Amino acid sequence: MKSLIAKLVVVCFALLAHPSFAKEVNASLDLSKGSVSKNQKLIQVKKDDFIVLKVSSDMPGEFHLHAYQLALKLLPNDPQILRFKAYAAGRFQFEWHPAADTVPITTHRHGPLASLEVFPN
């Protein structure tokens, strides 16, 4: 019995000490006129990390991470939280679409707002 308990303790410590042990990553994207600052353009995590992303905007619209099938509807000065697990490795684009009645259709943003890089364990 002592041998079994000792083995379980060793396994538990090995799992906790393993470098790929998932962690929670907190990040923010603060949109101003449909853009974010340079220091918010890239979020880097490891596969299986849990991401808590606070997103705010000074104008209404929709925020997307298409590869993960995630979206938020945003209102001015009403931050929203997006929680998800980084289950796929790669580089994924965050997109922003302002509400149709806030900007002329010719200024609709189609390019990436920021990127999420998920590294393999």
Protein backbone atom coordinates (compact mmCIF):
# COMPACT_ATOMS: atom_id res chain seq x y z
CA MET A 1 0.00 0.00 0.00
CA LYS A 2 2.83 2.43 0.88
CA SER A 3 4.43 1.68 -2.46
CA LEU A 4 1.21 2.54 -4.33
CA ILE A 5 0.80 5.83 -2.44
CA ALA A 6 4.44 6.74 -3.09
CA LYS A 7 3.98 6.09 -6.82
CA LEU A 8 0.83 8.25 -6.90
CA VAL A 9 2.65 11.10 -5.18
CA VAL A 10 5.50 10.89 -7.71
CA VAL A 11 3.05 10.92 -10.63
CA CYS A 12 1.17 13.92 -9.22
CA PHE A 13 4.37 15.93 -8.75
CA ALA A 14 5.56 14.98 -12.24
CA LEU A 15 2.31 16.21 -13.77
CA LEU A 16 2.47 19.51 -11.90
CA ALA A 17 6.12 20.08 -12.77
CA HIS A 18 5.66 19.24 -16.47
CA PRO A 19 6.42 22.37 -18.57
CA SER A 20 3.37 21.91 -20.79
CA PHE A 21 0.97 22.02 -17.86
CA ALA A 22 -1.88 24.28 -18.99
CA LYS A 23 -2.13 27.70 -17.43
CA GLU A 24 -4.54 30.61 -17.51
CA VAL A 25 -3.45 33.53 -19.70
CA ASN A 26 -5.07 36.92 -19.16
CA ALA A 27 -4.99 39.46 -21.99
CA SER A 28 -6.85 42.57 -23.11
CA LEU A 29 -7.79 44.13 -26.43
CA ASP A 30 -8.91 47.75 -26.13
CA LEU A 31 -10.36 48.90 -29.44
CA SER A 32 -10.26 52.56 -30.31
CA LYS A 33 -11.86 53.48 -33.66
CA GLY A 34 -11.58 49.84 -34.74
CA SER A 35 -7.87 49.37 -33.94
CA VAL A 36 -5.72 48.23 -31.04
CA SER A 37 -2.32 49.53 -29.93
CA LYS A 38 0.86 47.87 -31.23
CA ASN A 39 1.50 46.12 -27.91
CA GLN A 40 -1.90 44.37 -28.20
CA LYS A 41 -1.46 43.16 -31.80
CA LEU A 42 -0.13 39.73 -30.77
CA ILE A 43 -1.18 37.34 -28.01
CA GLN A 44 1.05 34.27 -27.57
CA VAL A 45 0.05 31.15 -25.65
CA LYS A 46 0.73 27.43 -25.58
CA LYS A 47 -1.67 24.75 -26.73
CA ASP A 48 -4.12 23.78 -23.96
CA ASP A 49 -3.73 27.10 -22.12
CA PHE A 50 -6.95 28.73 -20.96
CA ILE A 51 -7.34 32.26 -22.28
CA VAL A 52 -9.31 34.98 -20.52
CA LEU A 53 -9.57 37.85 -22.98
CA LYS A 54 -11.10 41.19 -21.95
CA VAL A 55 -12.34 43.08 -25.02
CA SER A 56 -13.59 46.66 -25.00
CA SER A 57 -14.47 49.14 -27.73
CA ASP A 58 -15.37 52.79 -28.06
CA MET A 59 -17.97 51.92 -30.72
CA PRO A 60 -20.55 49.15 -31.23
CA GLY A 61 -19.73 46.13 -33.34
CA GLU A 62 -18.79 42.48 -33.42
CA PHE A 63 -15.48 40.86 -32.48
CA HIS A 64 -14.56 37.43 -33.96
CA LEU A 65 -12.01 34.67 -33.67
CA HIS A 66 -13.32 32.65 -36.62
CA ALA A 67 -10.93 29.69 -36.35
CA TYR A 68 -12.31 28.97 -32.87
CA GLN A 69 -15.92 29.90 -33.76
CA LEU A 70 -16.02 32.64 -31.10
CA ALA A 71 -17.71 36.04 -31.26
CA LEU A 72 -18.69 38.91 -29.00
CA LYS A 73 -21.15 41.73 -29.58
CA LEU A 74 -19.66 44.90 -28.12
CA LEU A 75 -21.20 48.17 -27.03
CA PRO A 76 -19.20 51.32 -26.30
CA ASN A 77 -17.43 51.25 -22.95
CA ASP A 78 -18.98 47.89 -21.98
CA PRO A 79 -16.08 45.39 -21.76
CA GLN A 80 -16.84 41.73 -22.42
CA ILE A 81 -14.88 38.64 -21.38
CA LEU A 82 -14.11 35.79 -23.78
CA ARG A 83 -12.94 32.56 -22.10
CA PHE A 84 -11.67 29.64 -24.15
CA LYS A 85 -9.10 26.86 -24.34
CA ALA A 86 -6.34 27.11 -26.95
CA TYR A 87 -7.00 23.66 -28.40
CA ALA A 88 -5.40 24.19 -31.85
CA ALA A 89 -1.83 25.29 -32.58
CA GLY A 90 -1.23 27.93 -35.22
CA ARG A 91 -1.67 31.64 -35.90
CA PHE A 92 -5.26 32.90 -35.85
CA GLN A 93 -6.71 36.32 -36.63
CA PHE A 94 -9.03 38.38 -34.46
CA GLU A 95 -11.42 40.46 -36.56
CA TRP A 96 -13.56 43.51 -35.84
CA HIS A 97 -16.73 44.51 -37.67
CA PRO A 98 -18.21 47.86 -36.61
CA ALA A 99 -22.00 48.13 -36.46
CA ALA A 100 -23.34 49.03 -39.91
CA ASP A 101 -24.95 52.26 -38.74
CA THR A 102 -21.75 53.65 -37.14
CA VAL A 103 -19.47 53.93 -40.19
CA PRO A 104 -19.89 54.17 -43.95
CA ILE A 105 -19.89 50.76 -45.65
CA THR A 106 -16.64 51.66 -47.47
CA THR A 107 -14.77 51.77 -44.13
CA HIS A 108 -15.92 48.31 -43.00
CA ARG A 109 -12.88 46.56 -41.54
CA HIS A 110 -11.99 43.24 -43.17
CA GLY A 111 -8.34 42.90 -42.20
CA PRO A 112 -7.09 41.32 -39.00
CA LEU A 113 -7.34 43.35 -35.81
CA ALA A 114 -4.77 41.28 -33.91
CA SER A 115 -3.37 37.75 -33.89
CA LEU A 116 -3.39 34.79 -31.53
CA GLU A 117 -0.33 32.54 -31.74
CA VAL A 118 -0.75 29.12 -30.17
CA PHE A 119 2.49 27.18 -29.86
CA PRO A 120 2.57 23.36 -29.58
CA ASN A 121 3.41 21.98 -26.13
